[in-house]
Amino acid sequence: MAALFGARVRRLRTAAGLTQAELGALTHVVGTRITQIERASGAKPTLALARALDVALGADELLVELWPYVYREAFPDWSRKFMEYSEGAVAVRQYAAHVVPGLLQTEGYARAVLSLDALLDSEEQLEERVAARMGRQERLRSPDRPELCVILDEAVLRRPVGGHAVMRQQLARLLHAAAERNTTVQVLPFDQGGHEAMGGSLTMLSLPGGSEMAYTEGADYGQLIEEPSNVGRYKVIYDRLRAAALPPLMSIDMIRSAMEGNYRGAYLPSRSERRRLAQEQLQQSGGGRLRGGGRRVSGRRPGA
């Protein structure tokens, strides 16, 4: 991608009748920096430089749109490979133990999360990471957007990352996402106790050809699992998490309560109560019985 970016810069520069030194002067870098970019050698262009080049060459955002792919090449192979698979996935299923998944983060929340990295070098690097993360969300606005299923640990709702104002906006974003047709959001409450994915996040990807893969990630590591038998094990883990989580409508209620600041853990319904309420919600929406052998219940309201 760095070579493609460089080739585009060279073609646009030549069409504009500019020398490398002249383009460097327009973008406030030395001419040798333009040479490095066109040859895909040396340091990758920063987002600020990509924007400056775009303006100077009249590229109509072409270079800015290419920049995230150039930026990605700085990531480890396993991380870059996961991002490439994610872009082509027809279904993305995620469990998030600590923070809202990147695909559903607001810009403010993303900036707060990314700023916590102890290896962050500068404000410019932070802004580049935020831009790259926001850029990956474009897939959710495309006609071929994937089906997205997200399970949030209750801790994600309780931890005010970035402060209360940022967190309120983030929870509002989750409510908006949950209302979209291709997105399902569930919450895994604390009272479910321990489970097999407590160490970090888990993502399952379904690809167009029918293959699947898993990706696990902690604070300082990530692992892409492609071997079918191992992927199958993680698929079972994810299915268990989804079964233990609150149904979507009840999850929305919990997110809304957290956003309004009125949430109290003592008001969590028991497992049997959750199932009964979920059955009533299904019946009110014209649905049938839940999986697991539960019988359809009457339409009486609680306590009637």
Protein backbone atom coordinates (compact mmCIF):
# COMPACT_ATOMS: atom_id res chain seq x y z
CA MET A 1 0.00 0.00 0.00
CA ALA A 2 2.92 2.36 0.64
CA ALA A 3 4.08 1.69 -2.92
CA LEU A 4 0.58 2.38 -4.27
CA PHE A 5 0.36 5.59 -2.25
CA GLY A 6 3.76 6.68 -3.58
CA ALA A 7 2.78 5.89 -7.16
CA ARG A 8 -0.36 8.00 -6.81
CA VAL A 9 1.63 10.92 -5.42
CA ARG A 10 4.15 10.68 -8.27
CA ARG A 11 1.41 10.54 -10.91
CA LEU A 12 -0.48 13.49 -9.43
CA ARG A 13 2.72 15.51 -8.98
CA THR A 14 3.77 14.91 -12.57
CA ALA A 15 0.31 15.84 -13.86
CA ALA A 16 0.51 19.06 -11.84
CA GLY A 17 3.90 19.88 -13.34
CA LEU A 18 5.64 20.03 -9.95
CA THR A 19 9.11 18.91 -8.97
CA GLN A 20 9.63 16.98 -5.76
CA ALA A 21 11.21 20.07 -4.19
CA GLU A 22 8.26 22.24 -5.20
CA LEU A 23 5.75 19.76 -3.79
CA GLY A 24 7.83 19.57 -0.62
CA ALA A 25 7.69 23.35 -0.26
CA LEU A 26 3.90 23.32 -0.68
CA THR A 27 3.52 20.67 2.04
CA HIS A 28 6.25 22.04 4.35
CA VAL A 29 8.65 19.10 4.03
CA VAL A 30 11.99 18.75 2.26
CA GLY A 31 12.07 17.42 -1.29
CA THR A 32 13.83 14.24 -0.18
CA ARG A 33 10.77 13.40 1.94
CA ILE A 34 8.64 13.44 -1.22
CA THR A 35 11.25 11.17 -2.85
CA GLN A 36 10.93 8.71 0.06
CA ILE A 37 7.15 8.68 -0.21
CA GLU A 38 7.17 8.10 -3.96
CA ARG A 39 9.69 5.26 -3.58
CA ALA A 40 7.90 3.79 -0.52
CA SER A 41 11.11 4.04 1.47
CA GLY A 42 11.77 5.56 4.87
CA ALA A 43 9.05 6.47 7.34
CA LYS A 44 5.40 6.16 6.35
CA PRO A 45 3.63 9.47 5.63
CA THR A 46 1.73 10.90 8.56
CA LEU A 47 -1.98 11.68 8.31
CA ALA A 48 -1.19 15.40 8.39
CA LEU A 49 1.20 15.02 5.45
CA ALA A 50 -1.32 12.91 3.52
CA ARG A 51 -3.87 15.69 3.97
CA ALA A 52 -1.38 18.34 2.89
CA LEU A 53 -0.44 16.33 -0.21
CA ASP A 54 -4.11 15.83 -1.03
CA VAL A 55 -4.75 19.58 -0.94
CA ALA A 56 -1.57 20.53 -2.81
CA LEU A 57 -2.24 18.02 -5.59
CA GLY A 58 -6.02 18.50 -5.76
CA ALA A 59 -6.50 14.76 -5.17
CA ASP A 60 -10.09 15.11 -3.92
CA GLU A 61 -9.45 13.03 -0.75
CA LEU A 62 -7.87 10.15 -2.68
CA LEU A 63 -4.65 10.21 -0.69
CA VAL A 64 -6.46 10.65 2.63
CA GLU A 65 -8.62 7.62 1.82
CA LEU A 66 -5.52 5.56 0.98
CA TRP A 67 -3.65 6.61 4.10
CA PRO A 68 -5.28 4.15 6.59
CA TYR A 69 -4.09 1.24 4.45
CA VAL A 70 -0.54 2.61 4.44
CA TYR A 71 -0.75 3.16 8.21
CA ARG A 72 -1.88 -0.43 8.72
CA GLU A 73 1.40 -1.78 7.33
CA ALA A 74 3.10 -0.69 10.57
CA PHE A 75 1.05 -3.26 12.52
CA PRO A 76 2.29 -6.83 13.22
CA ASP A 77 1.44 -9.42 10.57
CA TRP A 78 -1.26 -11.13 12.65
CA SER A 79 -3.00 -7.83 13.44
CA ARG A 80 -2.84 -6.62 9.83
CA LYS A 81 -4.17 -9.96 8.60
CA PHE A 82 -7.09 -9.77 11.02
CA MET A 83 -8.01 -6.28 9.80
CA GLU A 84 -7.88 -7.45 6.19
CA TYR A 85 -10.18 -10.37 6.94
CA SER A 86 -12.53 -8.08 8.89
CA GLU A 87 -13.03 -5.85 5.87
CA GLY A 88 -14.32 -8.76 3.82
CA ALA A 89 -16.32 -10.53 6.52
CA VAL A 90 -20.05 -11.05 6.02
CA ALA A 91 -20.61 -11.45 9.77
CA VAL A 92 -18.66 -10.11 12.75
CA ARG A 93 -19.40 -11.43 16.24
CA GLN A 94 -17.57 -9.84 19.14
CA TYR A 95 -17.29 -10.18 22.90
CA ALA A 96 -15.79 -7.13 24.62
CA ALA A 97 -14.55 -7.51 28.18
CA HIS A 98 -13.20 -4.03 28.89
CA VAL A 99 -14.08 -1.40 26.27
CA VAL A 100 -16.61 -0.88 23.50
CA PRO A 101 -15.41 -2.57 20.27
CA GLY A 102 -13.72 -0.23 17.79
CA LEU A 103 -16.48 -0.57 15.20
CA LEU A 104 -18.96 1.04 17.59
CA GLN A 105 -16.75 3.61 19.31
CA THR A 106 -17.46 7.32 19.11
CA GLU A 107 -14.51 9.52 18.21
CA GLY A 108 -14.28 10.89 21.75
CA TYR A 109 -14.36 7.44 23.31
CA ALA A 110 -11.80 6.13 20.82
CA ARG A 111 -9.46 9.01 21.61
CA ALA A 112 -9.81 8.34 25.35
CA VAL A 113 -9.09 4.62 24.92
CA LEU A 114 -6.15 5.07 22.54
CA SER A 115 -4.58 7.79 24.69
CA LEU A 116 -4.07 5.21 27.46
CA ASP A 117 -1.39 3.40 25.45
CA ALA A 118 1.89 3.67 27.37
CA LEU A 119 3.82 3.49 24.08
CA LEU A 120 2.07 6.49 22.53
CA ASP A 121 4.71 8.90 21.26
CA SER A 122 2.86 12.09 20.43
CA GLU A 123 -0.46 13.84 19.97
CA GLU A 124 -0.02 13.45 16.22
CA GLN A 125 0.31 9.69 16.56
CA LEU A 126 -2.83 9.63 18.71
CA GLU A 127 -4.80 11.52 16.07
CA GLU A 128 -3.55 9.12 13.40
CA ARG A 129 -4.77 6.16 15.40
CA VAL A 130 -8.14 7.78 15.98
CA ALA A 131 -8.50 8.54 12.26
CA ALA A 132 -7.60 4.97 11.34
CA ARG A 133 -10.15 3.58 13.77
CA MET A 134 -12.90 5.89 12.55
CA GLY A 135 -12.01 4.97 8.98
CA ARG A 136 -12.65 1.29 9.66
CA GLN A 137 -16.21 2.13 10.67
CA GLU A 138 -16.99 3.14 7.08
CA ARG A 139 -17.69 -0.53 6.40
CA LEU A 140 -20.81 -0.28 8.56
CA ARG A 141 -22.17 2.43 6.28
CA SER A 142 -21.56 0.56 3.04
CA PRO A 143 -24.19 -1.43 1.08
CA ASP A 144 -22.32 -4.67 1.81
CA ARG A 145 -22.06 -4.03 5.53
CA PRO A 146 -21.60 -7.18 7.63
CA GLU A 147 -24.01 -8.54 10.19
CA LEU A 148 -22.66 -7.34 13.54
CA CYS A 149 -23.31 -9.07 16.87
CA VAL A 150 -21.70 -7.55 19.95
CA ILE A 151 -21.71 -8.83 23.54
CA LEU A 152 -20.58 -6.26 26.08
CA ASP A 153 -19.43 -7.24 29.54
CA GLU A 154 -21.27 -5.19 32.15
CA ALA A 155 -17.90 -3.64 33.07
CA VAL A 156 -17.92 -1.86 29.69
CA LEU A 157 -21.04 0.05 30.72
CA ARG A 158 -19.87 0.83 34.24
CA ARG A 159 -16.39 2.20 33.44
CA PRO A 160 -16.66 5.91 32.42
CA VAL A 161 -13.82 5.96 29.91
CA GLY A 162 -13.05 9.57 28.99
CA GLY A 163 -15.36 10.97 31.66
CA HIS A 164 -19.13 11.05 32.04
CA ALA A 165 -19.89 13.25 29.02
CA VAL A 166 -17.84 11.06 26.65
CA MET A 167 -19.35 7.91 28.15
CA ARG A 168 -22.89 9.22 27.79
CA GLN A 169 -22.30 9.89 24.10
CA GLN A 170 -20.82 6.42 23.71
CA LEU A 171 -23.80 4.74 25.34
CA ALA A 172 -26.11 6.76 23.11
CA ARG A 173 -24.13 5.46 20.13
CA LEU A 174 -24.69 1.90 21.34
CA LEU A 175 -28.43 2.49 21.59
CA HIS A 176 -28.46 3.89 18.06
CA ALA A 177 -26.47 0.90 16.78
CA ALA A 178 -28.77 -1.56 18.53
CA ALA A 179 -31.71 -0.11 16.61
CA GLU A 180 -30.08 -0.84 13.25
CA ARG A 181 -31.33 -3.85 11.35
CA ASN A 182 -28.00 -5.64 10.93
CA THR A 183 -26.70 -5.04 14.45
CA THR A 184 -27.40 -6.90 17.69
CA VAL A 185 -26.10 -5.66 21.04
CA GLN A 186 -26.27 -7.76 24.22
CA VAL A 187 -24.92 -7.24 27.73
CA LEU A 188 -23.33 -9.97 29.84
CA PRO A 189 -24.11 -9.05 33.47
CA PHE A 190 -21.77 -9.57 36.41
CA ASP A 191 -24.08 -12.09 38.03
CA GLN A 192 -23.21 -14.65 35.37
CA GLY A 193 -19.87 -15.14 37.14
CA GLY A 194 -16.75 -16.47 35.47
CA HIS A 195 -16.50 -17.65 31.89
CA GLU A 196 -13.95 -18.85 29.33
CA ALA A 197 -13.32 -15.49 27.68
CA MET A 198 -12.62 -13.41 30.79
CA GLY A 199 -9.00 -12.74 29.81
CA GLY A 200 -9.81 -10.38 26.94
CA SER A 201 -11.88 -9.79 23.85
CA LEU A 202 -13.01 -12.41 21.33
CA THR A 203 -14.01 -11.84 17.71
CA MET A 204 -15.46 -14.41 15.32
CA LEU A 205 -15.40 -13.65 11.60
CA SER A 206 -17.50 -15.35 8.93
CA LEU A 207 -16.06 -14.92 5.43
CA PRO A 208 -17.87 -14.99 2.06
CA GLY A 209 -16.63 -18.47 1.17
CA GLY A 210 -18.10 -19.96 4.33
CA SER A 211 -14.86 -20.20 6.31
CA GLU A 212 -14.57 -18.79 9.82
CA MET A 213 -11.78 -17.58 12.04
CA ALA A 214 -11.33 -16.34 15.58
CA TYR A 215 -9.26 -13.51 17.00
CA THR A 216 -8.44 -13.06 20.68
CA GLU A 217 -6.88 -9.94 22.10
CA GLY A 218 -5.61 -8.71 25.46
CA ALA A 219 -3.92 -5.51 26.58
CA ASP A 220 -0.56 -6.38 24.98
CA TYR A 221 -1.21 -9.28 22.63
CA GLY A 222 -3.41 -10.60 19.88
CA GLN A 223 -3.81 -14.00 18.24
CA LEU A 224 -5.49 -14.97 14.98
CA ILE A 225 -6.86 -18.52 14.97
CA GLU A 226 -7.50 -20.08 11.55
CA GLU A 227 -7.25 -23.84 12.13
CA PRO A 228 -10.87 -25.12 11.83
CA SER A 229 -10.86 -27.32 14.93
CA ASN A 230 -9.54 -24.49 17.10
CA VAL A 231 -11.95 -22.00 15.53
CA GLY A 232 -14.76 -24.41 16.42
CA ARG A 233 -13.78 -24.28 20.09
CA TYR A 234 -13.96 -20.51 20.14
CA LYS A 235 -17.27 -20.60 18.33
CA VAL A 236 -18.68 -22.72 21.15
CA ILE A 237 -17.30 -20.25 23.71
CA TYR A 238 -18.98 -17.36 21.89
CA ASP A 239 -22.29 -19.22 21.68
CA ARG A 240 -22.16 -19.83 25.43
CA LEU A 241 -21.52 -16.15 26.07
CA ARG A 242 -24.44 -15.18 23.89
CA ALA A 243 -26.73 -17.61 25.67
CA ALA A 244 -25.67 -16.23 29.07
CA ALA A 245 -26.08 -12.59 28.06
CA LEU A 246 -29.28 -10.61 28.48
CA PRO A 247 -31.68 -10.70 25.49
CA PRO A 248 -31.32 -7.70 23.14
CA LEU A 249 -34.33 -5.74 24.45
CA MET A 250 -33.28 -6.15 28.07
CA SER A 251 -29.72 -5.22 27.11
CA ILE A 252 -31.00 -2.00 25.57
CA ASP A 253 -32.80 -1.23 28.83
CA MET A 254 -29.58 -1.73 30.79
CA ILE A 255 -27.59 0.48 28.43
CA ARG A 256 -30.23 3.19 28.65
CA SER A 257 -30.25 2.99 32.45
CA ALA A 258 -26.47 3.29 32.53
CA MET A 259 -26.64 6.31 30.23
CA GLU A 260 -29.22 7.99 32.44
CA GLY A 261 -27.14 7.30 35.55
CA ASN A 262 -29.90 5.35 37.28
CA TYR A 263 -28.49 1.86 37.01
CA ARG A 264 -28.45 -0.27 40.16
CA GLY A 265 -27.06 -3.82 40.05
CA ALA A 266 -29.52 -4.98 42.71
CA TYR A 267 -32.35 -4.59 40.21
CA LEU A 268 -30.99 -7.23 37.84
CA PRO A 269 -33.64 -9.92 37.26
CA SER A 270 -32.89 -13.56 37.96
CA ARG A 271 -32.23 -16.01 35.14
CA SER A 272 -35.78 -17.37 35.23
CA GLU A 273 -37.20 -13.85 35.31
CA ARG A 274 -35.07 -12.87 32.31
CA ARG A 275 -36.35 -15.82 30.36
CA ARG A 276 -39.97 -15.00 31.23
CA LEU A 277 -39.52 -11.33 30.27
CA ALA A 278 -37.74 -12.29 27.05
CA GLN A 279 -40.63 -14.60 26.13
CA GLU A 280 -43.10 -11.76 26.73
CA GLN A 281 -41.03 -9.42 24.56
CA LEU A 282 -40.99 -11.99 21.78
CA GLN A 283 -44.74 -12.51 22.04
CA GLN A 284 -45.44 -8.78 21.97
CA SER A 285 -43.36 -8.49 18.78
CA GLY A 286 -45.10 -11.49 17.21
CA GLY A 287 -42.23 -13.93 17.82
CA GLY A 288 -42.44 -17.53 18.85
CA ARG A 289 -40.61 -19.57 21.44
CA LEU A 290 -37.01 -19.16 22.52
CA ARG A 291 -34.40 -21.75 21.73
CA GLY A 292 -33.75 -24.19 24.52
CA GLY A 293 -37.17 -25.81 24.76
CA GLY A 294 -38.95 -23.01 26.64
CA ARG A 295 -42.70 -22.96 26.09
CA ARG A 296 -44.53 -19.98 24.71
CA VAL A 297 -45.99 -18.00 27.55
CA SER A 298 -49.24 -16.10 27.88
CA GLY A 299 -49.43 -12.40 27.24
CA ARG A 300 -50.13 -11.52 30.87
CA ARG A 301 -48.04 -8.75 32.33
CA PRO A 302 -45.90 -9.41 35.44
CA GLY A 303 -48.03 -9.72 38.52
CA ALA A 304 -51.30 -9.93 36.55
